[in-house]
C-alpha atoms as a PDB file:
ATOM      1  CA  MET A   1    -126.398 -99.365 -44.560  1.00  0.00           C
ATOM      2  CA  LYS A   2    -125.707 -96.678 -41.909  1.00  0.00           C
ATOM      3  CA  LYS A   3    -122.844 -95.319 -44.031  1.00  0.00           C
ATOM      4  CA  THR A   4    -125.113 -95.125 -47.075  1.00  0.00           C
ATOM      5  CA  LEU A   5    -127.796 -93.259 -45.139  1.00  0.00           C
ATOM      6  CA  PHE A   6    -125.140 -90.928 -43.726  1.00  0.00           C
ATOM      7  CA  LEU A   7    -123.927 -90.059 -47.238  1.00  0.00           C
ATOM      8  CA  ILE A   8    -127.440 -89.611 -48.632  1.00  0.00           C
ATOM      9  CA  VAL A   9    -128.463 -87.303 -45.793  1.00  0.00           C
ATOM     10  CA  SER A  10    -125.234 -85.321 -46.149  1.00  0.00           C
ATOM     11  CA  LEU A  11    -125.721 -84.898 -49.900  1.00  0.00           C
ATOM     12  CA  MET A  12    -129.337 -83.825 -49.380  1.00  0.00           C
ATOM     13  CA  ILE A  13    -128.192 -81.157 -46.923  1.00  0.00           C
ATOM     14  CA  PHE A  14    -125.539 -79.940 -49.357  1.00  0.00           C
ATOM     15  CA  ALA A  15    -128.105 -79.861 -52.155  1.00  0.00           C
ATOM     16  CA  ALA A  16    -130.505 -77.831 -50.025  1.00  0.00           C
ATOM     17  CA  VAL A  17    -127.789 -75.277 -49.347  1.00  0.00           C
ATOM     18  CA  VAL A  18    -126.222 -75.211 -52.791  1.00  0.00           C
ATOM     19  CA  MET A  19    -129.271 -74.930 -55.062  1.00  0.00           C
ATOM     20  CA  PRO A  20    -130.130 -71.327 -54.095  1.00  0.00           C
ATOM     21  CA  ALA A  21    -126.463 -70.376 -54.426  1.00  0.00           C
ATOM     22  CA  LYS A  22    -126.297 -71.746 -57.962  1.00  0.00           C
ATOM     23  CA  ALA A  23    -129.455 -69.871 -58.861  1.00  0.00           C
ATOM     24  CA  GLN A  24    -127.908 -66.616 -57.617  1.00  0.00           C
ATOM     25  CA  SER A  25    -124.468 -67.114 -59.092  1.00  0.00           C
ATOM     26  CA  GLY A  26    -125.548 -68.488 -62.450  1.00  0.00           C
ATOM     27  CA  ASN A  27    -122.740 -70.386 -64.139  1.00  0.00           C
ATOM     28  CA  SER A  28    -120.224 -69.948 -61.336  1.00  0.00           C
ATOM     29  CA  PRO A  29    -116.710 -71.316 -61.946  1.00  0.00           C
ATOM     30  CA  THR A  30    -115.841 -74.492 -60.084  1.00  0.00           C
ATOM     31  CA  ILE A  31    -112.839 -76.425 -58.838  1.00  0.00           C
ATOM     32  CA  GLU A  32    -112.937 -80.226 -58.767  1.00  0.00           C
ATOM     33  CA  VAL A  33    -110.523 -82.050 -56.476  1.00  0.00           C
ATOM     34  CA  THR A  34    -110.063 -85.483 -54.931  1.00  0.00           C
ATOM     35  CA  GLY A  35    -109.268 -86.344 -51.337  1.00  0.00           C
ATOM     36  CA  SER A  36    -108.112 -89.630 -49.854  1.00  0.00           C
ATOM     37  CA  ALA A  37    -107.307 -91.117 -46.471  1.00  0.00           C
ATOM     38  CA  THR A  38    -106.020 -94.442 -45.169  1.00  0.00           C
ATOM     39  CA  ILE A  39    -106.799 -95.862 -41.734  1.00  0.00           C
ATOM     40  CA  ASN A  40    -104.925 -98.753 -40.104  1.00  0.00           C
ATOM     41  CA  ILE A  41    -107.247-100.516 -37.668  1.00  0.00           C
ATOM     42  CA  VAL A  42    -106.273-103.024 -35.003  1.00  0.00           C
ATOM     43  CA  PRO A  43    -108.635-106.042 -35.273  1.00  0.00           C
ATOM     44  CA  ASN A  44    -110.500-107.066 -32.143  1.00  0.00           C
ATOM     45  CA  HIS A  45    -112.742-109.759 -33.643  1.00  0.00           C
ATOM     46  CA  ILE A  46    -110.570-112.575 -35.011  1.00  0.00           C
ATOM     47  CA  THR A  47    -112.018-115.908 -36.118  1.00  0.00           C
ATOM     48  CA  ILE A  48    -109.735-118.948 -35.896  1.00  0.00           C
ATOM     49  CA  GLU A  49    -110.384-122.435 -37.281  1.00  0.00           C
ATOM     50  CA  ILE A  50    -108.356-125.446 -36.193  1.00  0.00           C
ATOM     51  CA  GLY A  51    -108.538-128.725 -38.102  1.00  0.00           C
ATOM     52  CA  MET A  52    -107.942-132.074 -36.390  1.00  0.00           C
ATOM     53  CA  GLU A  53    -107.647-135.651 -37.614  1.00  0.00           C
ATOM     54  CA  GLU A  54    -107.102-138.977 -35.875  1.00  0.00           C
ATOM     55  CA  TYR A  55    -103.662-140.525 -36.392  1.00  0.00           C
ATOM     56  CA  PHE A  56    -101.734-143.714 -35.637  1.00  0.00           C
ATOM     57  CA  LYS A  57     -99.318-143.766 -32.711  1.00  0.00           C
ATOM     58  CA  PRO A  58     -96.679-146.521 -32.442  1.00  0.00           C
ATOM     59  CA  VAL A  59     -96.687-148.622 -29.270  1.00  0.00           C
ATOM     60  CA  SER A  60     -93.990-150.731 -27.631  1.00  0.00           C
ATOM     61  CA  SER A  61     -95.210-153.974 -29.202  1.00  0.00           C
ATOM     62  CA  GLY A  62     -94.304-152.631 -32.632  1.00  0.00           C
ATOM     63  CA  ASP A  63     -97.931-152.163 -33.574  1.00  0.00           C
ATOM     64  CA  SER A  64     -99.813-148.866 -33.629  1.00  0.00           C
ATOM     65  CA  VAL A  65    -103.043-147.535 -32.182  1.00  0.00           C
ATOM     66  CA  ILE A  66    -105.380-144.778 -33.312  1.00  0.00           C
ATOM     67  CA  VAL A  67    -105.311-141.602 -31.260  1.00  0.00           C
ATOM     68  CA  LYS A  68    -108.994-140.785 -31.042  1.00  0.00           C
ATOM     69  CA  LEU A  69    -110.467-137.467 -32.059  1.00  0.00           C
ATOM     70  CA  SER A  70    -111.754-136.858 -28.525  1.00  0.00           C
ATOM     71  CA  GLU A  71    -108.194-136.969 -27.172  1.00  0.00           C
ATOM     72  CA  ILE A  72    -106.906-134.551 -29.826  1.00  0.00           C
ATOM     73  CA  GLU A  73    -109.829-132.202 -29.206  1.00  0.00           C
ATOM     74  CA  LYS A  74    -109.111-132.243 -25.491  1.00  0.00           C
ATOM     75  CA  GLY A  75    -105.630-130.868 -26.202  1.00  0.00           C
ATOM     76  CA  VAL A  76    -107.054-128.178 -28.496  1.00  0.00           C
ATOM     77  CA  ARG A  77    -109.525-127.073 -25.846  1.00  0.00           C
ATOM     78  CA  THR A  78    -106.686-126.937 -23.315  1.00  0.00           C
ATOM     79  CA  ALA A  79    -104.832-124.573 -25.674  1.00  0.00           C
ATOM     80  CA  PHE A  80    -107.980-122.436 -25.920  1.00  0.00           C
ATOM     81  CA  LYS A  81    -108.262-122.377 -22.154  1.00  0.00           C
ATOM     82  CA  SER A  82    -104.643-121.221 -21.798  1.00  0.00           C
ATOM     83  CA  ALA A  83    -105.568-118.207 -23.958  1.00  0.00           C
ATOM     84  CA  ARG A  84    -108.622-117.527 -21.759  1.00  0.00           C
ATOM     85  CA  VAL A  85    -111.142-118.557 -24.389  1.00  0.00           C
ATOM     86  CA  PRO A  86    -114.354-119.840 -22.735  1.00  0.00           C
ATOM     87  CA  ASP A  87    -115.977-123.061 -23.977  1.00  0.00           C
ATOM     88  CA  SER A  88    -119.104-121.070 -24.872  1.00  0.00           C
ATOM     89  CA  LEU A  89    -117.217-119.407 -27.768  1.00  0.00           C
ATOM     90  CA  ILE A  90    -116.025-122.685 -29.311  1.00  0.00           C
ATOM     91  CA  VAL A  91    -118.108-123.810 -32.301  1.00  0.00           C
ATOM     92  CA  VAL A  92    -117.903-127.015 -34.358  1.00  0.00           C
ATOM     93  CA  ALA A  93    -117.295-125.704 -37.891  1.00  0.00           C
ATOM     94  CA  ASP A  94    -117.188-129.107 -39.595  1.00  0.00           C
ATOM     95  CA  MET A  95    -117.000-132.813 -38.799  1.00  0.00           C
ATOM     96  CA  GLY A  96    -116.332-135.824 -41.000  1.00  0.00           C
ATOM     97  CA  ASN A  97    -113.680-137.235 -43.317  1.00  0.00           C
ATOM     98  CA  TYR A  98    -113.012-139.640 -46.169  1.00  0.00           C
ATOM     99  CA  ILE A  99    -110.865-142.780 -46.366  1.00  0.00           C
ATOM    100  CA  ASN A 100    -107.373-142.006 -47.637  1.00  0.00           C
ATOM    101  CA  ARG A 101    -106.367-145.445 -48.913  1.00  0.00           C
ATOM    102  CA  ASN A 102    -102.813-144.288 -49.586  1.00  0.00           C
ATOM    103  CA  ARG A 103    -102.324-144.013 -45.836  1.00  0.00           C
ATOM    104  CA  SER A 104    -104.570-146.670 -44.351  1.00  0.00           C
ATOM    105  CA  GLU A 105    -107.627-148.800 -44.944  1.00  0.00           C
ATOM    106  CA  LYS A 106    -108.931-147.663 -41.575  1.00  0.00           C
ATOM    107  CA  PHE A 107    -111.231-144.675 -41.421  1.00  0.00           C
ATOM    108  CA  LEU A 108    -109.811-141.660 -39.571  1.00  0.00           C
ATOM    109  CA  MET A 109    -112.289-139.148 -38.176  1.00  0.00           C
ATOM    110  CA  ALA A 110    -111.705-135.399 -38.651  1.00  0.00           C
ATOM    111  CA  LYS A 111    -113.147-132.230 -37.149  1.00  0.00           C
ATOM    112  CA  ARG A 112    -112.754-128.455 -37.301  1.00  0.00           C
ATOM    113  CA  LEU A 113    -113.324-126.098 -34.385  1.00  0.00           C
ATOM    114  CA  SER A 114    -113.968-122.381 -34.806  1.00  0.00           C
ATOM    115  CA  VAL A 115    -113.460-119.740 -32.140  1.00  0.00           C
ATOM    116  CA  CYS A 116    -113.461-115.949 -32.007  1.00  0.00           C
ATOM    117  CA  VAL A 117    -110.752-114.135 -30.030  1.00  0.00           C
ATOM    118  CA  THR A 118    -110.294-110.441 -29.348  1.00  0.00           C
ATOM    119  CA  SER A 119    -106.592-110.029 -30.116  1.00  0.00           C
ATOM    120  CA  LEU A 120    -103.864-111.533 -32.273  1.00  0.00           C
ATOM    121  CA  GLU A 121    -101.899-112.124 -29.075  1.00  0.00           C
ATOM    122  CA  GLN A 122    -104.582-114.635 -28.088  1.00  0.00           C
ATOM    123  CA  ALA A 123    -104.255-116.335 -31.471  1.00  0.00           C
ATOM    124  CA  GLU A 124    -100.492-116.546 -31.060  1.00  0.00           C
ATOM    125  CA  ARG A 125    -100.834-118.005 -27.569  1.00  0.00           C
ATOM    126  CA  ILE A 126    -103.187-120.707 -28.869  1.00  0.00           C
ATOM    127  CA  SER A 127    -100.682-121.530 -31.605  1.00  0.00           C
ATOM    128  CA  GLU A 128     -97.825-121.779 -29.095  1.00  0.00           C
ATOM    129  CA  LYS A 129     -99.746-124.063 -26.722  1.00  0.00           C
ATOM    130  CA  LEU A 130    -101.182-126.331 -29.408  1.00  0.00           C
ATOM    131  CA  ASP A 131     -99.709-129.820 -29.761  1.00  0.00           C
ATOM    132  CA  ARG A 132     -98.900-130.364 -33.452  1.00  0.00           C
ATOM    133  CA  LYS A 133     -99.846-134.048 -33.396  1.00  0.00           C
ATOM    134  CA  GLY A 134    -103.266-134.604 -34.911  1.00  0.00           C
ATOM    135  CA  ILE A 135    -103.566-130.966 -36.079  1.00  0.00           C
ATOM    136  CA  THR A 136    -104.079-130.566 -39.827  1.00  0.00           C
ATOM    137  CA  SER A 137    -104.667-126.819 -40.104  1.00  0.00           C
ATOM    138  CA  PHE A 138    -104.652-123.537 -38.200  1.00  0.00           C
ATOM    139  CA  ASN A 139    -106.342-120.689 -40.096  1.00  0.00           C
ATOM    140  CA  ILE A 140    -107.367-117.141 -39.307  1.00  0.00           C
ATOM    141  CA  THR A 141    -110.473-117.019 -41.470  1.00  0.00           C
ATOM    142  CA  LYS A 142    -111.679-113.506 -40.668  1.00  0.00           C
ATOM    143  CA  ILE A 143    -110.478-110.299 -39.012  1.00  0.00           C
ATOM    144  CA  ASP A 144    -112.726-107.380 -38.119  1.00  0.00           C
ATOM    145  CA  ASN A 145    -113.246-104.601 -35.605  1.00  0.00           C
ATOM    146  CA  THR A 146    -116.503-104.190 -33.699  1.00  0.00           C
ATOM    147  CA  ASP A 147    -116.259-100.378 -33.928  1.00  0.00           C
ATOM    148  CA  MET A 148    -115.892-100.298 -37.717  1.00  0.00           C
ATOM    149  CA  GLU A 149    -118.715 -97.795 -38.266  1.00  0.00           C
ATOM    150  CA  ARG A 150    -116.835 -95.185 -36.235  1.00  0.00           C
ATOM    151  CA  TYR A 151    -113.671 -95.807 -38.254  1.00  0.00           C
ATOM    152  CA  ASN A 152    -115.688 -95.472 -41.462  1.00  0.00           C
ATOM    153  CA  ARG A 153    -116.937 -92.046 -40.397  1.00  0.00           C
ATOM    154  CA  GLU A 154    -113.447 -90.955 -39.356  1.00  0.00           C
ATOM    155  CA  GLY A 155    -111.952 -92.149 -42.640  1.00  0.00           C
ATOM    156  CA  LEU A 156    -114.600 -90.447 -44.748  1.00  0.00           C
ATOM    157  CA  LYS A 157    -114.205 -87.192 -42.799  1.00  0.00           C
ATOM    158  CA  ALA A 158    -110.425 -87.323 -43.256  1.00  0.00           C
ATOM    159  CA  ALA A 159    -110.873 -87.783 -47.024  1.00  0.00           C
ATOM    160  CA  LEU A 160    -113.304 -84.835 -47.180  1.00  0.00           C
ATOM    161  CA  ASP A 161    -110.912 -82.665 -45.151  1.00  0.00           C
ATOM    162  CA  ALA A 162    -108.068 -83.600 -47.505  1.00  0.00           C
ATOM    163  CA  ALA A 163    -110.177 -82.591 -50.518  1.00  0.00           C
ATOM    164  CA  ARG A 164    -111.049 -79.255 -48.958  1.00  0.00           C
ATOM    165  CA  LYS A 165    -107.417 -78.486 -48.071  1.00  0.00           C
ATOM    166  CA  LYS A 166    -106.409 -79.253 -51.646  1.00  0.00           C
ATOM    167  CA  ALA A 167    -109.164 -76.975 -53.004  1.00  0.00           C
ATOM    168  CA  GLU A 168    -108.154 -74.180 -50.617  1.00  0.00           C
ATOM    169  CA  PHE A 169    -104.526 -74.484 -51.705  1.00  0.00           C
ATOM    170  CA  ILE A 170    -105.469 -74.271 -55.380  1.00  0.00           C
ATOM    171  CA  ALA A 171    -107.806 -71.330 -54.719  1.00  0.00           C
ATOM    172  CA  GLU A 172    -105.145 -69.418 -52.804  1.00  0.00           C
ATOM    173  CA  ASN A 173    -102.583 -70.057 -55.523  1.00  0.00           C
ATOM    174  CA  GLU A 174    -105.002 -68.759 -58.181  1.00  0.00           C
ATOM    175  CA  ASP A 175    -106.138 -65.801 -56.035  1.00  0.00           C
ATOM    176  CA  VAL A 176    -109.756 -66.933 -55.793  1.00  0.00           C
ATOM    177  CA  LYS A 177    -112.027 -67.859 -52.883  1.00  0.00           C
ATOM    178  CA  ILE A 178    -113.793 -71.154 -52.172  1.00  0.00           C
ATOM    179  CA  ILE A 179    -117.530 -70.653 -51.586  1.00  0.00           C
ATOM    180  CA  MET A 180    -119.074 -74.100 -50.975  1.00  0.00           C
ATOM    181  CA  PRO A 181    -119.182 -77.678 -52.321  1.00  0.00           C
ATOM    182  CA  ILE A 182    -121.820 -78.412 -54.929  1.00  0.00           C
ATOM    183  CA  GLU A 183    -121.056 -82.089 -55.581  1.00  0.00           C
ATOM    184  CA  ILE A 184    -119.517 -84.897 -53.500  1.00  0.00           C
ATOM    185  CA  VAL A 185    -118.875 -88.369 -54.892  1.00  0.00           C
ATOM    186  CA  GLU A 186    -117.413 -91.215 -52.868  1.00  0.00           C
ATOM    187  CA  ASN A 187    -115.104 -93.441 -54.918  1.00  0.00           C
ATOM    188  CA  ALA A 188    -116.487 -96.765 -53.730  1.00  0.00           C
ATOM    189  CA  SER A 189    -114.124 -98.863 -55.857  1.00  0.00           C
ATOM    190  CA  ASN A 190    -111.218 -98.053 -53.517  1.00  0.00           C
ATOM    191  CA  TYR A 191    -113.281 -97.993 -50.355  1.00  0.00           C
ATOM    192  CA  TYR A 192    -112.315-101.303 -48.769  1.00  0.00           C
ATOM    193  CA  ASP A 193    -108.926-102.944 -48.999  1.00  0.00           C
ATOM    194  CA  MET A 194    -108.931-106.593 -47.909  1.00  0.00           C
ATOM    195  CA  PRO A 195    -105.959-107.769 -45.854  1.00  0.00           C
ATOM    196  CA  ALA A 196    -103.183-109.247 -47.958  1.00  0.00           C
ATOM    197  CA  MET A 197    -103.573-112.570 -46.115  1.00  0.00           C
ATOM    198  CA  SER A 198    -106.950-113.985 -45.197  1.00  0.00           C
ATOM    199  CA  ASN A 199    -105.508-117.242 -43.878  1.00  0.00           C
ATOM    200  CA  VAL A 200    -102.450-118.020 -41.827  1.00  0.00           C
ATOM    201  CA  SER A 201    -100.581-121.283 -42.204  1.00  0.00           C
ATOM    202  CA  PHE A 202    -100.170-123.192 -38.964  1.00  0.00           C
ATOM    203  CA  ASP A 203     -96.383-123.173 -39.355  1.00  0.00           C
ATOM    204  CA  GLY A 204     -96.147-119.667 -40.837  1.00  0.00           C
ATOM    205  CA  GLY A 205     -95.551-117.620 -37.721  1.00  0.00           C
ATOM    206  CA  ALA A 206     -94.638-114.528 -39.728  1.00  0.00           C
ATOM    207  CA  GLY A 207     -98.080-114.559 -41.306  1.00  0.00           C
ATOM    208  CA  ILE A 208     -99.830-113.496 -38.117  1.00  0.00           C
ATOM    209  CA  GLY A 209     -97.499-110.519 -37.832  1.00  0.00           C
ATOM    210  CA  ASN A 210     -98.515-109.414 -41.305  1.00  0.00           C
ATOM    211  CA  MET A 211    -102.182-109.325 -40.286  1.00  0.00           C
ATOM    212  CA  ARG A 212    -101.945-107.028 -37.273  1.00  0.00           C
ATOM    213  CA  ARG A 213    -103.827-104.240 -39.068  1.00  0.00           C
ATOM    214  CA  ILE A 214    -106.970-103.865 -41.148  1.00  0.00           C
ATOM    215  CA  ILE A 215    -106.307-101.302 -43.879  1.00  0.00           C
ATOM    216  CA  ARG A 216    -109.227 -99.229 -45.157  1.00  0.00           C
ATOM    217  CA  ARG A 217    -108.855 -96.607 -47.843  1.00  0.00           C
ATOM    218  CA  TYR A 218    -111.326 -93.784 -48.424  1.00  0.00           C
ATOM    219  CA  SER A 219    -111.511 -91.538 -51.486  1.00  0.00           C
ATOM    220  CA  VAL A 220    -113.885 -88.739 -52.498  1.00  0.00           C
ATOM    221  CA  LYS A 221    -114.275 -86.335 -55.416  1.00  0.00           C
ATOM    222  CA  VAL A 222    -115.595 -82.878 -54.517  1.00  0.00           C
ATOM    223  CA  LYS A 223    -116.581 -79.964 -56.740  1.00  0.00           C
ATOM    224  CA  TYR A 224    -116.486 -76.474 -55.183  1.00  0.00           C
ATOM    225  CA  ILE A 225    -117.868 -73.156 -56.372  1.00  0.00           C
ATOM    226  CA  PHE A 226    -115.255 -70.409 -56.217  1.00  0.00           C
ATOM    227  CA  SER A 227    -115.360 -66.670 -56.625  1.00  0.00           C
ATOM    228  CA  LYS A 228    -112.820 -64.108 -57.809  1.00  0.00           C
ATOM    229  CA  ASP A 229    -114.199 -61.459 -55.430  1.00  0.00           C
END
């Protein structure tokens, strides 16, 4: 919403400046160019979900016992603690299960915990410290940066600067002079590029490495008045 207001205000200012110029210059010749920019952003708001399920553990008598969900969760919380994640940030994302009769007639309880960390190093540490027994999934469900509005402004400015440099180059080559922009259009279709991977497999260590950056692309189309004087 802030970005939209920023663009509207900017276009209103340009319109206020340009309208008198158009009236004075009549049908002035124009140059239309595009400008683009790409920003790689390090995420600092990473949501992780860990799935757990009770399982059977063999005992010396040859029988087996169920490892309760509370015991599995205790190990998960210990892994969180090793990555300096406070209990206050741990949220129960889901709880419940269904009877898988191909495995057992006994009902096994399941649960998913969600937590937000500030770096991918924290996520990797949790993965390293987590006991695989009783863990059914380890997913990074969302990556973001809390200062995204600032990056949006920087990216848009870089795209506008690129458009102006292109227009200046063309004007110099054609021996004309750029006067001012009369139209600016943001190409919203290429504005946001989602990460290639939104989830990371628990055993796919390389996946986390591929998600170390948020890629945002910005593109604008700008029309400038130019003069041969």
